[in-house]
Amino acid sequence: MENPEVREMVLPTLRGDYAAVGRYRYIAGDPLHCPVTALVGDRDREAGVEEVRDWEEQAPEGGFAFRVFPGGHFYLVRGIAGVVSVVSNRLAPAAGTGPRR
């Protein structure tokens, strides 16, 4: 953020993200019409395990997958291979290619 050009490029996006988060209010509705996969770090202070597990309420019957990885909010930095594996395996049936290993 010390570089003025980088700061000028990044700050509008950050401001927009914070504004959107500040205005968001959940409105209950029907479950989604697509499978939901929720991933979380077991020590995430921003989105706890139980909070992320609540996404199951938004998934259709039998369409929820949940995976807890070791780490905090940025668990995927170290666990990227596991994240890619979970996402690939969840997307493969939709692509008609079956699960991958």
PDB file of N, CA and C in Angstrom:
ATOM      1  N   MET A   1       0.817  -1.193   0.000  1.00  0.00           N
ATOM      2  CA  MET A   1       0.000   0.000   0.000  1.00  0.00           C
ATOM      3  C   MET A   1       0.863   1.261   0.000  1.00  0.00           C
ATOM      4  N   GLU A   2       2.150   1.092   0.089  1.00  0.00           N
ATOM      5  CA  GLU A   2       3.029   2.260   0.049  1.00  0.00           C
ATOM      6  C   GLU A   2       3.159   2.839  -1.351  1.00  0.00           C
ATOM      7  N   ASN A   3       2.914   2.040  -2.375  1.00  0.00           N
ATOM      8  CA  ASN A   3       3.003   2.491  -3.751  1.00  0.00           C
ATOM      9  C   ASN A   3       1.692   3.189  -4.128  1.00  0.00           C
ATOM     10  N   PRO A   4       1.732   4.495  -4.450  1.00  0.00           N
ATOM     11  CA  PRO A   4       0.503   5.238  -4.762  1.00  0.00           C
ATOM     12  C   PRO A   4      -0.300   4.645  -5.925  1.00  0.00           C
ATOM     13  N   GLU A   5       0.376   4.117  -6.933  1.00  0.00           N
ATOM     14  CA  GLU A   5      -0.340   3.536  -8.068  1.00  0.00           C
ATOM     15  C   GLU A   5      -1.107   2.279  -7.668  1.00  0.00           C
ATOM     16  N   VAL A   6      -0.475   1.449  -6.872  1.00  0.00           N
ATOM     17  CA  VAL A   6      -1.134   0.231  -6.394  1.00  0.00           C
ATOM     18  C   VAL A   6      -2.293   0.607  -5.475  1.00  0.00           C
ATOM     19  N   ARG A   7      -2.047   1.539  -4.579  1.00  0.00           N
ATOM     20  CA  ARG A   7      -3.096   1.991  -3.660  1.00  0.00           C
ATOM     21  C   ARG A   7      -4.299   2.528  -4.435  1.00  0.00           C
ATOM     22  N   GLU A   8      -4.048   3.334  -5.460  1.00  0.00           N
ATOM     23  CA  GLU A   8      -5.124   3.910  -6.269  1.00  0.00           C
ATOM     24  C   GLU A   8      -5.926   2.811  -6.989  1.00  0.00           C
ATOM     25  N   MET A   9      -5.240   1.743  -7.340  1.00  0.00           N
ATOM     26  CA  MET A   9      -5.894   0.642  -8.037  1.00  0.00           C
ATOM     27  C   MET A   9      -6.700  -0.242  -7.072  1.00  0.00           C
ATOM     28  N   VAL A  10      -6.204  -0.453  -5.859  1.00  0.00           N
ATOM     29  CA  VAL A  10      -6.798  -1.400  -4.921  1.00  0.00           C
ATOM     30  C   VAL A  10      -7.878  -0.790  -4.033  1.00  0.00           C
ATOM     31  N   LEU A  11      -7.697   0.418  -3.577  1.00  0.00           N
ATOM     32  CA  LEU A  11      -8.612   0.995  -2.597  1.00  0.00           C
ATOM     33  C   LEU A  11     -10.075   1.086  -3.045  1.00  0.00           C
ATOM     34  N   PRO A  12     -10.381   1.457  -4.275  1.00  0.00           N
ATOM     35  CA  PRO A  12     -11.800   1.483  -4.654  1.00  0.00           C
ATOM     36  C   PRO A  12     -12.492   0.125  -4.514  1.00  0.00           C
ATOM     37  N   THR A  13     -11.786  -0.931  -4.854  1.00  0.00           N
ATOM     38  CA  THR A  13     -12.361  -2.272  -4.712  1.00  0.00           C
ATOM     39  C   THR A  13     -12.570  -2.616  -3.250  1.00  0.00           C
ATOM     40  N   LEU A  14     -11.581  -2.333  -2.414  1.00  0.00           N
ATOM     41  CA  LEU A  14     -11.721  -2.603  -0.985  1.00  0.00           C
ATOM     42  C   LEU A  14     -12.876  -1.803  -0.384  1.00  0.00           C
ATOM     43  N   ARG A  15     -12.981  -0.541  -0.731  1.00  0.00           N
ATOM     44  CA  ARG A  15     -14.082   0.278  -0.231  1.00  0.00           C
ATOM     45  C   ARG A  15     -15.432  -0.300  -0.660  1.00  0.00           C
ATOM     46  N   GLY A  16     -15.521  -0.711  -1.915  1.00  0.00           N
ATOM     47  CA  GLY A  16     -16.757  -1.307  -2.413  1.00  0.00           C
ATOM     48  C   GLY A  16     -17.115  -2.589  -1.682  1.00  0.00           C
ATOM     49  N   ASP A  17     -16.112  -3.428  -1.429  1.00  0.00           N
ATOM     50  CA  ASP A  17     -16.351  -4.677  -0.695  1.00  0.00           C
ATOM     51  C   ASP A  17     -16.876  -4.391   0.707  1.00  0.00           C
ATOM     52  N   TYR A  18     -16.237  -3.470   1.410  1.00  0.00           N
ATOM     53  CA  TYR A  18     -16.677  -3.150   2.768  1.00  0.00           C
ATOM     54  C   TYR A  18     -18.065  -2.524   2.772  1.00  0.00           C
ATOM     55  N   ALA A  19     -18.364  -1.709   1.785  1.00  0.00           N
ATOM     56  CA  ALA A  19     -19.702  -1.103   1.690  1.00  0.00           C
ATOM     57  C   ALA A  19     -20.759  -2.180   1.470  1.00  0.00           C
ATOM     58  N   ALA A  20     -20.471  -3.135   0.582  1.00  0.00           N
ATOM     59  CA  ALA A  20     -21.417  -4.221   0.308  1.00  0.00           C
ATOM     60  C   ALA A  20     -21.646  -5.071   1.554  1.00  0.00           C
ATOM     61  N   VAL A  21     -20.580  -5.401   2.253  1.00  0.00           N
ATOM     62  CA  VAL A  21     -20.711  -6.201   3.475  1.00  0.00           C
ATOM     63  C   VAL A  21     -21.515  -5.441   4.522  1.00  0.00           C
ATOM     64  N   GLY A  22     -21.294  -4.154   4.635  1.00  0.00           N
ATOM     65  CA  GLY A  22     -22.009  -3.344   5.618  1.00  0.00           C
ATOM     66  C   GLY A  22     -23.498  -3.224   5.352  1.00  0.00           C
ATOM     67  N   ARG A  23     -23.892  -3.290   4.083  1.00  0.00           N
ATOM     68  CA  ARG A  23     -25.307  -3.153   3.720  1.00  0.00           C
ATOM     69  C   ARG A  23     -26.037  -4.481   3.636  1.00  0.00           C
ATOM     70  N   TYR A  24     -25.312  -5.596   3.595  1.00  0.00           N
ATOM     71  CA  TYR A  24     -25.941  -6.898   3.396  1.00  0.00           C
ATOM     72  C   TYR A  24     -26.810  -7.289   4.584  1.00  0.00           C
ATOM     73  N   ARG A  25     -28.012  -7.765   4.286  1.00  0.00           N
ATOM     74  CA  ARG A  25     -28.909  -8.328   5.295  1.00  0.00           C
ATOM     75  C   ARG A  25     -29.480  -9.613   4.717  1.00  0.00           C
ATOM     76  N   TYR A  26     -29.341 -10.686   5.451  1.00  0.00           N
ATOM     77  CA  TYR A  26     -29.854 -11.976   4.993  1.00  0.00           C
ATOM     78  C   TYR A  26     -31.374 -11.968   4.990  1.00  0.00           C
ATOM     79  N   ILE A  27     -31.960 -12.487   3.929  1.00  0.00           N
ATOM     80  CA  ILE A  27     -33.404 -12.655   3.832  1.00  0.00           C
ATOM     81  C   ILE A  27     -33.652 -14.127   3.546  1.00  0.00           C
ATOM     82  N   ALA A  28     -34.357 -14.794   4.458  1.00  0.00           N
ATOM     83  CA  ALA A  28     -34.632 -16.223   4.298  1.00  0.00           C
ATOM     84  C   ALA A  28     -35.473 -16.463   3.054  1.00  0.00           C
ATOM     85  N   GLY A  29     -35.218 -17.562   2.400  1.00  0.00           N
ATOM     86  CA  GLY A  29     -35.971 -17.927   1.211  1.00  0.00           C
ATOM     87  C   GLY A  29     -35.871 -19.413   0.959  1.00  0.00           C
ATOM     88  N   ASP A  30     -36.334 -19.825  -0.186  1.00  0.00           N
ATOM     89  CA  ASP A  30     -36.266 -21.229  -0.559  1.00  0.00           C
ATOM     90  C   ASP A  30     -34.814 -21.648  -0.747  1.00  0.00           C
ATOM     91  N   PRO A  31     -34.535 -22.947  -0.559  1.00  0.00           N
ATOM     92  CA  PRO A  31     -33.174 -23.422  -0.819  1.00  0.00           C
ATOM     93  C   PRO A  31     -32.777 -23.165  -2.267  1.00  0.00           C
ATOM     94  N   LEU A  32     -31.486 -23.129  -2.492  1.00  0.00           N
ATOM     95  CA  LEU A  32     -30.967 -22.970  -3.846  1.00  0.00           C
ATOM     96  C   LEU A  32     -31.319 -24.199  -4.687  1.00  0.00           C
ATOM     97  N   HIS A  33     -31.229 -24.074  -5.979  1.00  0.00           N
ATOM     98  CA  HIS A  33     -31.517 -25.180  -6.890  1.00  0.00           C
ATOM     99  C   HIS A  33     -30.230 -25.795  -7.418  1.00  0.00           C
ATOM    100  N   CYS A  34     -29.168 -25.683  -6.649  1.00  0.00           N
ATOM    101  CA  CYS A  34     -27.874 -26.234  -7.057  1.00  0.00           C
ATOM    102  C   CYS A  34     -27.165 -26.753  -5.813  1.00  0.00           C
ATOM    103  N   PRO A  35     -26.252 -27.689  -5.984  1.00  0.00           N
ATOM    104  CA  PRO A  35     -25.483 -28.170  -4.833  1.00  0.00           C
ATOM    105  C   PRO A  35     -24.647 -27.040  -4.228  1.00  0.00           C
ATOM    106  N   VAL A  36     -24.391 -27.174  -2.932  1.00  0.00           N
ATOM    107  CA  VAL A  36     -23.578 -26.191  -2.206  1.00  0.00           C
ATOM    108  C   VAL A  36     -22.405 -26.927  -1.567  1.00  0.00           C
ATOM    109  N   THR A  37     -21.213 -26.400  -1.758  1.00  0.00           N
ATOM    110  CA  THR A  37     -20.022 -26.925  -1.113  1.00  0.00           C
ATOM    111  C   THR A  37     -19.465 -25.830  -0.220  1.00  0.00           C
ATOM    112  N   ALA A  38     -19.319 -26.122   1.066  1.00  0.00           N
ATOM    113  CA  ALA A  38     -18.810 -25.143   2.017  1.00  0.00           C
ATOM    114  C   ALA A  38     -17.465 -25.620   2.563  1.00  0.00           C
ATOM    115  N   LEU A  39     -16.480 -24.747   2.490  1.00  0.00           N
ATOM    116  CA  LEU A  39     -15.133 -25.050   2.975  1.00  0.00           C
ATOM    117  C   LEU A  39     -14.769 -24.017   4.023  1.00  0.00           C
ATOM    118  N   VAL A  40     -14.090 -24.456   5.085  1.00  0.00           N
ATOM    119  CA  VAL A  40     -13.737 -23.538   6.171  1.00  0.00           C
ATOM    120  C   VAL A  40     -12.468 -24.023   6.864  1.00  0.00           C
ATOM    121  N   GLY A  41     -11.738 -23.086   7.428  1.00  0.00           N
ATOM    122  CA  GLY A  41     -10.591 -23.423   8.256  1.00  0.00           C
ATOM    123  C   GLY A  41     -11.046 -23.656   9.686  1.00  0.00           C
ATOM    124  N   ASP A  42     -10.479 -24.636  10.361  1.00  0.00           N
ATOM    125  CA  ASP A  42     -10.935 -24.982  11.713  1.00  0.00           C
ATOM    126  C   ASP A  42     -10.625 -23.909  12.758  1.00  0.00           C
ATOM    127  N   ARG A  43      -9.769 -22.956  12.427  1.00  0.00           N
ATOM    128  CA  ARG A  43      -9.452 -21.870  13.358  1.00  0.00           C
ATOM    129  C   ARG A  43      -9.782 -20.498  12.758  1.00  0.00           C
ATOM    130  N   ASP A  44     -10.739 -20.473  11.840  1.00  0.00           N
ATOM    131  CA  ASP A  44     -11.131 -19.226  11.172  1.00  0.00           C
ATOM    132  C   ASP A  44     -11.935 -18.362  12.147  1.00  0.00           C
ATOM    133  N   ARG A  45     -11.443 -17.170  12.425  1.00  0.00           N
ATOM    134  CA  ARG A  45     -12.135 -16.251  13.333  1.00  0.00           C
ATOM    135  C   ARG A  45     -13.128 -15.361  12.590  1.00  0.00           C
ATOM    136  N   GLU A  46     -13.049 -15.344  11.271  1.00  0.00           N
ATOM    137  CA  GLU A  46     -13.952 -14.528  10.459  1.00  0.00           C
ATOM    138  C   GLU A  46     -15.245 -15.280  10.136  1.00  0.00           C
ATOM    139  N   ALA A  47     -15.137 -16.570   9.890  1.00  0.00           N
ATOM    140  CA  ALA A  47     -16.288 -17.415   9.544  1.00  0.00           C
ATOM    141  C   ALA A  47     -16.065 -18.753  10.230  1.00  0.00           C
ATOM    142  N   GLY A  48     -16.703 -18.931  11.372  1.00  0.00           N
ATOM    143  CA  GLY A  48     -16.493 -20.136  12.159  1.00  0.00           C
ATOM    144  C   GLY A  48     -17.113 -21.371  11.527  1.00  0.00           C
ATOM    145  N   VAL A  49     -16.681 -22.531  12.009  1.00  0.00           N
ATOM    146  CA  VAL A  49     -17.130 -23.814  11.469  1.00  0.00           C
ATOM    147  C   VAL A  49     -18.653 -23.911  11.490  1.00  0.00           C
ATOM    148  N   GLU A  50     -19.284 -23.614  12.622  1.00  0.00           N
ATOM    149  CA  GLU A  50     -20.741 -23.730  12.713  1.00  0.00           C
ATOM    150  C   GLU A  50     -21.444 -22.713  11.828  1.00  0.00           C
ATOM    151  N   GLU A  51     -20.896 -21.526  11.713  1.00  0.00           N
ATOM    152  CA  GLU A  51     -21.483 -20.502  10.845  1.00  0.00           C
ATOM    153  C   GLU A  51     -21.448 -20.950   9.382  1.00  0.00           C
ATOM    154  N   VAL A  52     -20.340 -21.516   8.964  1.00  0.00           N
ATOM    155  CA  VAL A  52     -20.218 -21.978   7.584  1.00  0.00           C
ATOM    156  C   VAL A  52     -21.093 -23.213   7.357  1.00  0.00           C
ATOM    157  N   ARG A  53     -21.211 -24.053   8.365  1.00  0.00           N
ATOM    158  CA  ARG A  53     -22.067 -25.251   8.248  1.00  0.00           C
ATOM    159  C   ARG A  53     -23.530 -24.847   8.006  1.00  0.00           C
ATOM    160  N   ASP A  54     -23.918 -23.664   8.433  1.00  0.00           N
ATOM    161  CA  ASP A  54     -25.294 -23.187   8.227  1.00  0.00           C
ATOM    162  C   ASP A  54     -25.667 -23.077   6.752  1.00  0.00           C
ATOM    163  N   TRP A  55     -24.674 -23.075   5.866  1.00  0.00           N
ATOM    164  CA  TRP A  55     -24.976 -23.061   4.431  1.00  0.00           C
ATOM    165  C   TRP A  55     -25.793 -24.273   4.016  1.00  0.00           C
ATOM    166  N   GLU A  56     -25.773 -25.322   4.832  1.00  0.00           N
ATOM    167  CA  GLU A  56     -26.553 -26.523   4.505  1.00  0.00           C
ATOM    168  C   GLU A  56     -28.037 -26.183   4.362  1.00  0.00           C
ATOM    169  N   GLU A  57     -28.500 -25.190   5.118  1.00  0.00           N
ATOM    170  CA  GLU A  57     -29.907 -24.773   5.040  1.00  0.00           C
ATOM    171  C   GLU A  57     -30.251 -24.214   3.664  1.00  0.00           C
ATOM    172  N   GLN A  58     -29.256 -23.760   2.923  1.00  0.00           N
ATOM    173  CA  GLN A  58     -29.490 -23.169   1.596  1.00  0.00           C
ATOM    174  C   GLN A  58     -29.389 -24.193   0.476  1.00  0.00           C
ATOM    175  N   ALA A  59     -28.946 -25.409   0.803  1.00  0.00           N
ATOM    176  CA  ALA A  59     -28.728 -26.437  -0.214  1.00  0.00           C
ATOM    177  C   ALA A  59     -29.985 -27.287  -0.399  1.00  0.00           C
ATOM    178  N   PRO A  60     -30.166 -27.823  -1.602  1.00  0.00           N
ATOM    179  CA  PRO A  60     -31.278 -28.746  -1.798  1.00  0.00           C
ATOM    180  C   PRO A  60     -31.004 -30.044  -1.042  1.00  0.00           C
ATOM    181  N   GLU A  61     -32.033 -30.817  -0.798  1.00  0.00           N
ATOM    182  CA  GLU A  61     -31.911 -32.096  -0.096  1.00  0.00           C
ATOM    183  C   GLU A  61     -30.800 -32.942  -0.709  1.00  0.00           C
ATOM    184  N   GLY A  62     -29.817 -33.326   0.107  1.00  0.00           N
ATOM    185  CA  GLY A  62     -28.714 -34.163  -0.348  1.00  0.00           C
ATOM    186  C   GLY A  62     -27.671 -33.445  -1.192  1.00  0.00           C
ATOM    187  N   GLY A  63     -27.784 -32.132  -1.324  1.00  0.00           N
ATOM    188  CA  GLY A  63     -26.870 -31.406  -2.193  1.00  0.00           C
ATOM    189  C   GLY A  63     -25.846 -30.571  -1.456  1.00  0.00           C
ATOM    190  N   PHE A  64     -25.478 -30.993  -0.250  1.00  0.00           N
ATOM    191  CA  PHE A  64     -24.542 -30.212   0.544  1.00  0.00           C
ATOM    192  C   PHE A  64     -23.289 -31.013   0.837  1.00  0.00           C
ATOM    193  N   ALA A  65     -22.138 -30.411   0.618  1.00  0.00           N
ATOM    194  CA  ALA A  65     -20.852 -31.002   0.992  1.00  0.00           C
ATOM    195  C   ALA A  65     -20.140 -29.998   1.896  1.00  0.00           C
ATOM    196  N   PHE A  66     -19.508 -30.496   2.943  1.00  0.00           N
ATOM    197  CA  PHE A  66     -18.867 -29.641   3.937  1.00  0.00           C
ATOM    198  C   PHE A  66     -17.498 -30.204   4.251  1.00  0.00           C
ATOM    199  N   ARG A  67     -16.492 -29.343   4.240  1.00  0.00           N
ATOM    200  CA  ARG A  67     -15.127 -29.798   4.530  1.00  0.00           C
ATOM    201  C   ARG A  67     -14.423 -28.773   5.403  1.00  0.00           C
ATOM    202  N   VAL A  68     -13.824 -29.256   6.468  1.00  0.00           N
ATOM    203  CA  VAL A  68     -13.055 -28.408   7.377  1.00  0.00           C
ATOM    204  C   VAL A  68     -11.579 -28.705   7.153  1.00  0.00           C
ATOM    205  N   PHE A  69     -10.810 -27.641   6.922  1.00  0.00           N
ATOM    206  CA  PHE A  69      -9.376 -27.757   6.721  1.00  0.00           C
ATOM    207  C   PHE A  69      -8.646 -27.198   7.929  1.00  0.00           C
ATOM    208  N   PRO A  70      -7.441 -27.671   8.207  1.00  0.00           N
ATOM    209  CA  PRO A  70      -6.663 -27.081   9.294  1.00  0.00           C
ATOM    210  C   PRO A  70      -6.229 -25.659   8.914  1.00  0.00           C
ATOM    211  N   GLY A  71      -6.376 -24.736   9.851  1.00  0.00           N
ATOM    212  CA  GLY A  71      -5.908 -23.376   9.602  1.00  0.00           C
ATOM    213  C   GLY A  71      -6.966 -22.327   9.880  1.00  0.00           C
ATOM    214  N   GLY A  72      -6.563 -21.084   9.706  1.00  0.00           N
ATOM    215  CA  GLY A  72      -7.449 -19.953   9.941  1.00  0.00           C
ATOM    216  C   GLY A  72      -8.148 -19.514   8.674  1.00  0.00           C
ATOM    217  N   HIS A  73      -8.421 -18.210   8.575  1.00  0.00           N
ATOM    218  CA  HIS A  73      -9.194 -17.677   7.458  1.00  0.00           C
ATOM    219  C   HIS A  73      -8.499 -17.901   6.112  1.00  0.00           C
ATOM    220  N   PHE A  74      -7.185 -17.954   6.108  1.00  0.00           N
ATOM    221  CA  PHE A  74      -6.449 -18.164   4.862  1.00  0.00           C
ATOM    222  C   PHE A  74      -5.873 -19.575   4.795  1.00  0.00           C
ATOM    223  N   TYR A  75      -6.636 -20.554   5.283  1.00  0.00           N
ATOM    224  CA  TYR A  75      -6.213 -21.952   5.280  1.00  0.00           C
ATOM    225  C   TYR A  75      -5.821 -22.422   3.882  1.00  0.00           C
ATOM    226  N   LEU A  76      -6.438 -21.848   2.857  1.00  0.00           N
ATOM    227  CA  LEU A  76      -6.184 -22.358   1.510  1.00  0.00           C
ATOM    228  C   LEU A  76      -4.789 -22.048   1.004  1.00  0.00           C
ATOM    229  N   VAL A  77      -4.086 -21.121   1.645  1.00  0.00           N
ATOM    230  CA  VAL A  77      -2.706 -20.847   1.222  1.00  0.00           C
ATOM    231  C   VAL A  77      -1.860 -22.111   1.365  1.00  0.00           C
ATOM    232  N   ARG A  78      -2.006 -22.775   2.494  1.00  0.00           N
ATOM    233  CA  ARG A  78      -1.248 -24.019   2.710  1.00  0.00           C
ATOM    234  C   ARG A  78      -2.007 -25.241   2.220  1.00  0.00           C
ATOM    235  N   GLY A  79      -3.329 -25.145   2.189  1.00  0.00           N
ATOM    236  CA  GLY A  79      -4.131 -26.310   1.835  1.00  0.00           C
ATOM    237  C   GLY A  79      -4.710 -26.267   0.440  1.00  0.00           C
ATOM    238  N   ILE A  80      -4.068 -25.546  -0.471  1.00  0.00           N
ATOM    239  CA  ILE A  80      -4.626 -25.359  -1.809  1.00  0.00           C
ATOM    240  C   ILE A  80      -4.870 -26.683  -2.527  1.00  0.00           C
ATOM    241  N   ALA A  81      -4.009 -27.652  -2.356  1.00  0.00           N
ATOM    242  CA  ALA A  81      -4.194 -28.945  -3.039  1.00  0.00           C
ATOM    243  C   ALA A  81      -5.491 -29.608  -2.577  1.00  0.00           C
ATOM    244  N   GLY A  82      -5.770 -29.556  -1.287  1.00  0.00           N
ATOM    245  CA  GLY A  82      -7.008 -30.132  -0.773  1.00  0.00           C
ATOM    246  C   GLY A  82      -8.238 -29.386  -1.253  1.00  0.00           C
ATOM    247  N   VAL A  83      -8.141 -28.069  -1.306  1.00  0.00           N
ATOM    248  CA  VAL A  83      -9.250 -27.247  -1.788  1.00  0.00           C
ATOM    249  C   VAL A  83      -9.530 -27.568  -3.257  1.00  0.00           C
ATOM    250  N   VAL A  84      -8.492 -27.623  -4.065  1.00  0.00           N
ATOM    251  CA  VAL A  84      -8.656 -27.930  -5.491  1.00  0.00           C
ATOM    252  C   VAL A  84      -9.263 -29.319  -5.666  1.00  0.00           C
ATOM    253  N   SER A  85      -8.843 -30.263  -4.863  1.00  0.00           N
ATOM    254  CA  SER A  85      -9.379 -31.617  -4.944  1.00  0.00           C
ATOM    255  C   SER A  85     -10.877 -31.630  -4.634  1.00  0.00           C
ATOM    256  N   VAL A  86     -11.286 -30.968  -3.555  1.00  0.00           N
ATOM    257  CA  VAL A  86     -12.702 -30.930  -3.182  1.00  0.00           C
ATOM    258  C   VAL A  86     -13.524 -30.261  -4.282  1.00  0.00           C
ATOM    259  N   VAL A  87     -13.072 -29.116  -4.735  1.00  0.00           N
ATOM    260  CA  VAL A  87     -13.812 -28.384  -5.769  1.00  0.00           C
ATOM    261  C   VAL A  87     -13.877 -29.196  -7.065  1.00  0.00           C
ATOM    262  N   SER A  88     -12.778 -29.792  -7.476  1.00  0.00           N
ATOM    263  CA  SER A  88     -12.762 -30.608  -8.696  1.00  0.00           C
ATOM    264  C   SER A  88     -13.719 -31.784  -8.594  1.00  0.00           C
ATOM    265  N   ASN A  89     -13.711 -32.455  -7.463  1.00  0.00           N
ATOM    266  CA  ASN A  89     -14.592 -33.609  -7.285  1.00  0.00           C
ATOM    267  C   ASN A  89     -16.059 -33.213  -7.250  1.00  0.00           C
ATOM    268  N   ARG A  90     -16.355 -32.042  -6.739  1.00  0.00           N
ATOM    269  CA  ARG A  90     -17.747 -31.571  -6.714  1.00  0.00           C
ATOM    270  C   ARG A  90     -18.203 -31.114  -8.093  1.00  0.00           C
ATOM    271  N   LEU A  91     -17.303 -30.548  -8.884  1.00  0.00           N
ATOM    272  CA  LEU A  91     -17.672 -30.064 -10.210  1.00  0.00           C
ATOM    273  C   LEU A  91     -17.676 -31.159 -11.275  1.00  0.00           C
ATOM    274  N   ALA A  92     -16.875 -32.187 -11.089  1.00  0.00           N
ATOM    275  CA  ALA A  92     -16.731 -33.227 -12.113  1.00  0.00           C
ATOM    276  C   ALA A  92     -18.062 -33.863 -12.525  1.00  0.00           C
ATOM    277  N   PRO A  93     -18.947 -34.233 -11.606  1.00  0.00           N
ATOM    278  CA  PRO A  93     -20.223 -34.830 -12.036  1.00  0.00           C
ATOM    279  C   PRO A  93     -21.048 -33.852 -12.894  1.00  0.00           C
ATOM    280  N   ALA A  94     -21.016 -32.584 -12.569  1.00  0.00           N
ATOM    281  CA  ALA A  94     -21.763 -31.593 -13.354  1.00  0.00           C
ATOM    282  C   ALA A  94     -21.181 -31.460 -14.757  1.00  0.00           C
ATOM    283  N   ALA A  95     -19.894 -31.709 -14.876  1.00  0.00           N
ATOM    284  CA  ALA A  95     -19.234 -31.616 -16.180  1.00  0.00           C
ATOM    285  C   ALA A  95     -19.340 -32.936 -16.949  1.00  0.00           C
ATOM    286  N   GLY A  96     -19.885 -33.959 -16.278  1.00  0.00           N
ATOM    287  CA  GLY A  96     -20.038 -35.267 -16.921  1.00  0.00           C
ATOM    288  C   GLY A  96     -18.772 -36.079 -16.982  1.00  0.00           C
ATOM    289  N   THR A  97     -17.790 -35.722 -16.158  1.00  0.00           N
ATOM    290  CA  THR A  97     -16.516 -36.449 -16.194  1.00  0.00           C
ATOM    291  C   THR A  97     -16.331 -37.386 -15.027  1.00  0.00           C
ATOM    292  N   GLY A  98     -17.252 -37.387 -14.063  1.00  0.00           N
ATOM    293  CA  GLY A  98     -17.121 -38.255 -12.902  1.00  0.00           C
ATOM    294  C   GLY A  98     -16.074 -37.746 -11.951  1.00  0.00           C
ATOM    295  N   PRO A  99     -16.024 -38.319 -10.752  1.00  0.00           N
ATOM    296  CA  PRO A  99     -15.050 -37.845  -9.748  1.00  0.00           C
ATOM    297  C   PRO A  99     -13.617 -38.141 -10.160  1.00  0.00           C
ATOM    298  N   ARG A 100     -12.749 -37.256  -9.752  1.00  0.00           N
ATOM    299  CA  ARG A 100     -11.315 -37.418 -10.016  1.00  0.00           C
ATOM    300  C   ARG A 100     -10.603 -37.712  -8.717  1.00  0.00           C
ATOM    301  N   ARG A 101      -9.462 -38.278  -8.827  1.00  0.00           N
ATOM    302  CA  ARG A 101      -8.640 -38.554  -7.635  1.00  0.00           C
ATOM    303  C   ARG A 101      -7.358 -37.795  -7.719  1.00  0.00           C
TER     304      ARG A 101
END
